[in-house]
Amino acid sequence: MIVLGIDPGTASTGYGVVAQRSGRLLALDGGVIETAAGLPLERRLATIHARVGELLDEHTPSAVAVEDLYFGANARSALAVGQARGVVLLAAGQRGLPCGSYTPQQVKSAVCGSGRAEKLQVQQMVQRLLALLELPQPDHAADALAVAICHLNRAPLAAAVTSPAGGSLATAGGRNR
């Protein structure tokens, strides 16, 4: 399974492509989509959308995982992140790809074991989990790789819950005989 992880933002959108093969996690790609502050918002969003589309076409992931908005920031930056997030979801939707959405705390917990982990801790754990020789840089790329790892770690549970072979909670309890 291959997942494209995204840490959205209008100035810098981090991306990370992670594959899971034979129980191991492998980094296939990672980086940042940067847009110039002087460009109109619609041009910045078009750039993000186009580059995410290129990544989807190049890596053909099974799913896209996107970090949720963090509302501790001011309303203006939350709106901008939401717009960047929207064009990422649009690119995935145009290709019929399922999307997972995770809060920063869920991502940190999945990668570090604590939802309060610092940026450096996330980078170090991503480095270890993906067996990278160096710390993933910049931090937006590391965060995007962490989002992909979070999705891959949750995929087996999500598949078991939605699988018809696994049964539903009602049948597991013996009520629907």
C-alpha atoms as a PDB file:
ATOM      1  CA  MET A   1       0.000   0.000   0.000  1.00  0.00           C
ATOM      2  CA  ILE A   2       1.228   3.500  -0.874  1.00  0.00           C
ATOM      3  CA  VAL A   3      -0.063   6.635   0.874  1.00  0.00           C
ATOM      4  CA  LEU A   4       0.485  10.303   0.033  1.00  0.00           C
ATOM      5  CA  GLY A   5       0.608  12.284   3.277  1.00  0.00           C
ATOM      6  CA  ILE A   6      -0.060  16.029   3.210  1.00  0.00           C
ATOM      7  CA  ASP A   7       0.654  18.808   5.718  1.00  0.00           C
ATOM      8  CA  PRO A   8      -1.381  21.615   4.083  1.00  0.00           C
ATOM      9  CA  GLY A   9      -0.579  25.322   3.956  1.00  0.00           C
ATOM     10  CA  THR A  10      -0.699  28.063   1.342  1.00  0.00           C
ATOM     11  CA  ALA A  11       2.929  29.126   1.744  1.00  0.00           C
ATOM     12  CA  SER A  12       4.317  25.607   2.280  1.00  0.00           C
ATOM     13  CA  THR A  13       2.460  22.351   1.747  1.00  0.00           C
ATOM     14  CA  GLY A  14       4.480  19.389   2.938  1.00  0.00           C
ATOM     15  CA  TYR A  15       4.132  16.057   1.159  1.00  0.00           C
ATOM     16  CA  GLY A  16       5.415  12.593   1.898  1.00  0.00           C
ATOM     17  CA  VAL A  17       4.918   9.355   0.014  1.00  0.00           C
ATOM     18  CA  VAL A  18       5.231   6.207   2.137  1.00  0.00           C
ATOM     19  CA  ALA A  19       4.851   2.580   1.083  1.00  0.00           C
ATOM     20  CA  GLN A  20       4.186  -0.376   3.305  1.00  0.00           C
ATOM     21  CA  ARG A  21       5.760  -3.546   1.969  1.00  0.00           C
ATOM     22  CA  SER A  22       6.142  -6.800   3.897  1.00  0.00           C
ATOM     23  CA  GLY A  23       5.377  -4.996   7.148  1.00  0.00           C
ATOM     24  CA  ARG A  24       8.075  -2.362   6.567  1.00  0.00           C
ATOM     25  CA  LEU A  25       7.588   1.341   5.938  1.00  0.00           C
ATOM     26  CA  LEU A  26       9.564   2.924   3.096  1.00  0.00           C
ATOM     27  CA  ALA A  27       9.825   6.594   2.148  1.00  0.00           C
ATOM     28  CA  LEU A  28       9.385   6.988  -1.606  1.00  0.00           C
ATOM     29  CA  ASP A  29       9.329  10.787  -1.817  1.00  0.00           C
ATOM     30  CA  GLY A  30       8.982  13.880   0.332  1.00  0.00           C
ATOM     31  CA  GLY A  31       9.318  17.606   0.122  1.00  0.00           C
ATOM     32  CA  VAL A  32       7.482  20.901   0.152  1.00  0.00           C
ATOM     33  CA  ILE A  33       5.301  22.683  -2.368  1.00  0.00           C
ATOM     34  CA  GLU A  34       6.144  26.356  -1.890  1.00  0.00           C
ATOM     35  CA  THR A  35       4.184  29.292  -3.240  1.00  0.00           C
ATOM     36  CA  ALA A  36       5.268  32.905  -3.364  1.00  0.00           C
ATOM     37  CA  ALA A  37       3.634  35.272  -0.866  1.00  0.00           C
ATOM     38  CA  GLY A  38       3.093  37.909  -3.561  1.00  0.00           C
ATOM     39  CA  LEU A  39       0.930  35.674  -5.746  1.00  0.00           C
ATOM     40  CA  PRO A  40      -2.851  35.972  -5.588  1.00  0.00           C
ATOM     41  CA  LEU A  41      -4.426  33.228  -3.473  1.00  0.00           C
ATOM     42  CA  GLU A  42      -6.098  31.571  -6.451  1.00  0.00           C
ATOM     43  CA  ARG A  43      -2.712  31.161  -8.191  1.00  0.00           C
ATOM     44  CA  ARG A  44      -1.158  29.722  -5.028  1.00  0.00           C
ATOM     45  CA  LEU A  45      -3.995  27.209  -4.684  1.00  0.00           C
ATOM     46  CA  ALA A  46      -3.759  26.302  -8.378  1.00  0.00           C
ATOM     47  CA  THR A  47      -0.025  25.601  -7.914  1.00  0.00           C
ATOM     48  CA  ILE A  48      -0.700  23.336  -4.928  1.00  0.00           C
ATOM     49  CA  HIS A  49      -3.485  21.513  -6.777  1.00  0.00           C
ATOM     50  CA  ALA A  50      -1.346  20.966  -9.874  1.00  0.00           C
ATOM     51  CA  ARG A  51       1.663  19.659  -7.925  1.00  0.00           C
ATOM     52  CA  VAL A  52      -0.456  17.336  -5.782  1.00  0.00           C
ATOM     53  CA  GLY A  53      -2.013  16.026  -9.006  1.00  0.00           C
ATOM     54  CA  GLU A  54       1.469  15.349 -10.387  1.00  0.00           C
ATOM     55  CA  LEU A  55       2.423  13.475  -7.201  1.00  0.00           C
ATOM     56  CA  LEU A  56      -0.750  11.382  -7.365  1.00  0.00           C
ATOM     57  CA  ASP A  57      -0.151  10.519 -11.004  1.00  0.00           C
ATOM     58  CA  GLU A  58       3.530   9.724 -10.411  1.00  0.00           C
ATOM     59  CA  HIS A  59       3.175   7.536  -7.304  1.00  0.00           C
ATOM     60  CA  THR A  60      -0.376   6.162  -7.790  1.00  0.00           C
ATOM     61  CA  PRO A  61      -1.108   5.888  -4.063  1.00  0.00           C
ATOM     62  CA  SER A  62      -3.965   3.822  -2.650  1.00  0.00           C
ATOM     63  CA  ALA A  63      -5.023   6.706  -0.407  1.00  0.00           C
ATOM     64  CA  VAL A  64      -4.291  10.287   0.592  1.00  0.00           C
ATOM     65  CA  ALA A  65      -3.892  11.288   4.236  1.00  0.00           C
ATOM     66  CA  VAL A  66      -4.263  14.950   5.151  1.00  0.00           C
ATOM     67  CA  GLU A  67      -3.601  16.710   8.433  1.00  0.00           C
ATOM     68  CA  ASP A  68      -6.673  18.422   9.895  1.00  0.00           C
ATOM     69  CA  LEU A  69      -6.825  22.096  10.716  1.00  0.00           C
ATOM     70  CA  TYR A  70      -5.297  23.261  13.950  1.00  0.00           C
ATOM     71  CA  PHE A  71      -7.653  25.868  15.370  1.00  0.00           C
ATOM     72  CA  GLY A  72      -5.158  27.272  17.873  1.00  0.00           C
ATOM     73  CA  ALA A  73      -3.878  29.470  15.061  1.00  0.00           C
ATOM     74  CA  ASN A  74      -5.600  32.690  14.087  1.00  0.00           C
ATOM     75  CA  ALA A  75      -8.718  32.557  11.916  1.00  0.00           C
ATOM     76  CA  ARG A  76      -6.985  33.964   8.836  1.00  0.00           C
ATOM     77  CA  SER A  77      -4.282  31.272   8.806  1.00  0.00           C
ATOM     78  CA  ALA A  78      -6.859  28.554   9.608  1.00  0.00           C
ATOM     79  CA  LEU A  79      -8.883  29.654   6.583  1.00  0.00           C
ATOM     80  CA  ALA A  80      -5.798  29.577   4.346  1.00  0.00           C
ATOM     81  CA  VAL A  81      -4.858  26.089   5.564  1.00  0.00           C
ATOM     82  CA  GLY A  82      -8.448  24.969   4.956  1.00  0.00           C
ATOM     83  CA  GLN A  83      -8.305  26.251   1.395  1.00  0.00           C
ATOM     84  CA  ALA A  84      -5.013  24.446   0.723  1.00  0.00           C
ATOM     85  CA  ARG A  85      -6.505  21.326   2.287  1.00  0.00           C
ATOM     86  CA  GLY A  86      -9.515  21.677  -0.010  1.00  0.00           C
ATOM     87  CA  VAL A  87      -7.485  21.672  -3.225  1.00  0.00           C
ATOM     88  CA  VAL A  88      -5.608  18.571  -2.017  1.00  0.00           C
ATOM     89  CA  LEU A  89      -8.915  16.797  -1.363  1.00  0.00           C
ATOM     90  CA  LEU A  90     -10.145  17.943  -4.776  1.00  0.00           C
ATOM     91  CA  ALA A  91      -7.099  16.445  -6.536  1.00  0.00           C
ATOM     92  CA  ALA A  92      -7.668  13.135  -4.708  1.00  0.00           C
ATOM     93  CA  GLY A  93     -11.401  13.207  -5.394  1.00  0.00           C
ATOM     94  CA  GLN A  94     -10.832  13.793  -9.097  1.00  0.00           C
ATOM     95  CA  ARG A  95      -8.873  10.524  -9.138  1.00  0.00           C
ATOM     96  CA  GLY A  96     -11.367   8.621  -6.995  1.00  0.00           C
ATOM     97  CA  LEU A  97      -8.903   8.180  -4.128  1.00  0.00           C
ATOM     98  CA  PRO A  98     -10.061   7.772  -0.533  1.00  0.00           C
ATOM     99  CA  CYS A  99      -8.809  10.350   1.947  1.00  0.00           C
ATOM    100  CA  GLY A 100      -8.018  10.025   5.625  1.00  0.00           C
ATOM    101  CA  SER A 101      -7.995  13.054   7.890  1.00  0.00           C
ATOM    102  CA  TYR A 102      -6.010  13.231  11.126  1.00  0.00           C
ATOM    103  CA  THR A 103      -5.561  15.849  13.815  1.00  0.00           C
ATOM    104  CA  PRO A 104      -2.016  16.893  14.695  1.00  0.00           C
ATOM    105  CA  GLN A 105      -2.449  15.083  18.019  1.00  0.00           C
ATOM    106  CA  GLN A 106      -3.468  11.833  16.293  1.00  0.00           C
ATOM    107  CA  VAL A 107      -0.435  12.039  14.015  1.00  0.00           C
ATOM    108  CA  LYS A 108       1.979  12.722  16.877  1.00  0.00           C
ATOM    109  CA  SER A 109       0.458   9.930  18.933  1.00  0.00           C
ATOM    110  CA  ALA A 110       0.683   7.440  16.043  1.00  0.00           C
ATOM    111  CA  VAL A 111       4.332   8.293  15.359  1.00  0.00           C
ATOM    112  CA  CYS A 112       5.714   9.206  18.793  1.00  0.00           C
ATOM    113  CA  GLY A 113       3.278   7.653  21.250  1.00  0.00           C
ATOM    114  CA  SER A 114       2.322  11.085  22.600  1.00  0.00           C
ATOM    115  CA  GLY A 115      -0.018  13.691  21.145  1.00  0.00           C
ATOM    116  CA  ARG A 116       2.157  16.382  22.747  1.00  0.00           C
ATOM    117  CA  ALA A 117       5.415  15.466  20.967  1.00  0.00           C
ATOM    118  CA  GLU A 118       7.622  18.334  19.796  1.00  0.00           C
ATOM    119  CA  LYS A 119       8.561  18.877  16.126  1.00  0.00           C
ATOM    120  CA  LEU A 120      12.063  17.478  16.646  1.00  0.00           C
ATOM    121  CA  GLN A 121      10.652  14.326  18.255  1.00  0.00           C
ATOM    122  CA  VAL A 122       8.368  13.808  15.256  1.00  0.00           C
ATOM    123  CA  GLN A 123      11.295  14.257  12.858  1.00  0.00           C
ATOM    124  CA  GLN A 124      13.434  11.799  14.823  1.00  0.00           C
ATOM    125  CA  MET A 125      10.705   9.149  14.975  1.00  0.00           C
ATOM    126  CA  VAL A 126       9.931   9.545  11.265  1.00  0.00           C
ATOM    127  CA  GLN A 127      13.647   9.076  10.584  1.00  0.00           C
ATOM    128  CA  ARG A 128      13.679   5.870  12.665  1.00  0.00           C
ATOM    129  CA  LEU A 129      10.413   4.436  11.358  1.00  0.00           C
ATOM    130  CA  LEU A 130      11.448   4.985   7.740  1.00  0.00           C
ATOM    131  CA  ALA A 131      15.119   4.043   8.321  1.00  0.00           C
ATOM    132  CA  LEU A 132      16.301   7.352   6.841  1.00  0.00           C
ATOM    133  CA  LEU A 133      19.983   8.230   7.021  1.00  0.00           C
ATOM    134  CA  GLU A 134      19.225  11.855   7.899  1.00  0.00           C
ATOM    135  CA  LEU A 135      16.501  13.753   9.699  1.00  0.00           C
ATOM    136  CA  PRO A 136      13.693  14.541   7.231  1.00  0.00           C
ATOM    137  CA  GLN A 137      13.814  18.231   6.316  1.00  0.00           C
ATOM    138  CA  PRO A 138      12.120  20.659   6.289  1.00  0.00           C
ATOM    139  CA  ASP A 139       9.661  20.042   9.113  1.00  0.00           C
ATOM    140  CA  HIS A 140       6.636  20.332   6.777  1.00  0.00           C
ATOM    141  CA  ALA A 141       7.950  17.347   4.809  1.00  0.00           C
ATOM    142  CA  ALA A 142       8.583  15.424   8.044  1.00  0.00           C
ATOM    143  CA  ASP A 143       5.037  16.206   9.195  1.00  0.00           C
ATOM    144  CA  ALA A 144       3.610  14.968   5.872  1.00  0.00           C
ATOM    145  CA  LEU A 145       5.592  11.718   6.157  1.00  0.00           C
ATOM    146  CA  ALA A 146       4.219  11.375   9.703  1.00  0.00           C
ATOM    147  CA  VAL A 147       0.648  11.827   8.396  1.00  0.00           C
ATOM    148  CA  ALA A 148       1.216   9.023   5.866  1.00  0.00           C
ATOM    149  CA  ILE A 149       2.673   6.785   8.610  1.00  0.00           C
ATOM    150  CA  CYS A 150      -0.343   7.540  10.803  1.00  0.00           C
ATOM    151  CA  HIS A 151      -2.693   6.472   8.016  1.00  0.00           C
ATOM    152  CA  LEU A 152      -0.752   3.282   7.312  1.00  0.00           C
ATOM    153  CA  ASN A 153      -0.735   2.374  11.016  1.00  0.00           C
ATOM    154  CA  ARG A 154      -4.505   2.849  11.191  1.00  0.00           C
ATOM    155  CA  ALA A 155      -5.322   1.102   7.875  1.00  0.00           C
ATOM    156  CA  PRO A 156      -5.463  -2.486   9.226  1.00  0.00           C
ATOM    157  CA  LEU A 157      -7.897  -1.464  11.972  1.00  0.00           C
ATOM    158  CA  ALA A 158     -10.040   0.550   9.562  1.00  0.00           C
ATOM    159  CA  ALA A 159     -10.153  -2.388   7.126  1.00  0.00           C
ATOM    160  CA  ALA A 160     -11.167  -4.797   9.883  1.00  0.00           C
ATOM    161  CA  VAL A 161     -13.951  -2.507  11.068  1.00  0.00           C
ATOM    162  CA  THR A 162     -15.421  -1.992   7.576  1.00  0.00           C
ATOM    163  CA  SER A 163     -14.812  -5.516   6.234  1.00  0.00           C
ATOM    164  CA  PRO A 164     -17.950  -7.594   5.601  1.00  0.00           C
ATOM    165  CA  ALA A 165     -15.961 -10.713   6.575  1.00  0.00           C
ATOM    166  CA  GLY A 166     -15.218  -9.161   9.964  1.00  0.00           C
ATOM    167  CA  GLY A 167     -18.901  -8.786  10.713  1.00  0.00           C
ATOM    168  CA  SER A 168     -20.539  -5.839  12.378  1.00  0.00           C
ATOM    169  CA  LEU A 169     -20.724  -5.021  16.038  1.00  0.00           C
ATOM    170  CA  ALA A 170     -24.367  -6.118  16.059  1.00  0.00           C
ATOM    171  CA  THR A 171     -23.587  -9.616  14.727  1.00  0.00           C
ATOM    172  CA  ALA A 172     -20.501  -9.931  16.908  1.00  0.00           C
ATOM    173  CA  GLY A 173     -22.724  -9.544  19.944  1.00  0.00           C
ATOM    174  CA  GLY A 174     -25.093 -12.220  18.685  1.00  0.00           C
ATOM    175  CA  ARG A 175     -28.169  -9.973  18.420  1.00  0.00           C
ATOM    176  CA  ASN A 176     -28.763 -10.380  14.653  1.00  0.00           C
ATOM    177  CA  ARG A 177     -29.273 -14.123  14.233  1.00  0.00           C
END
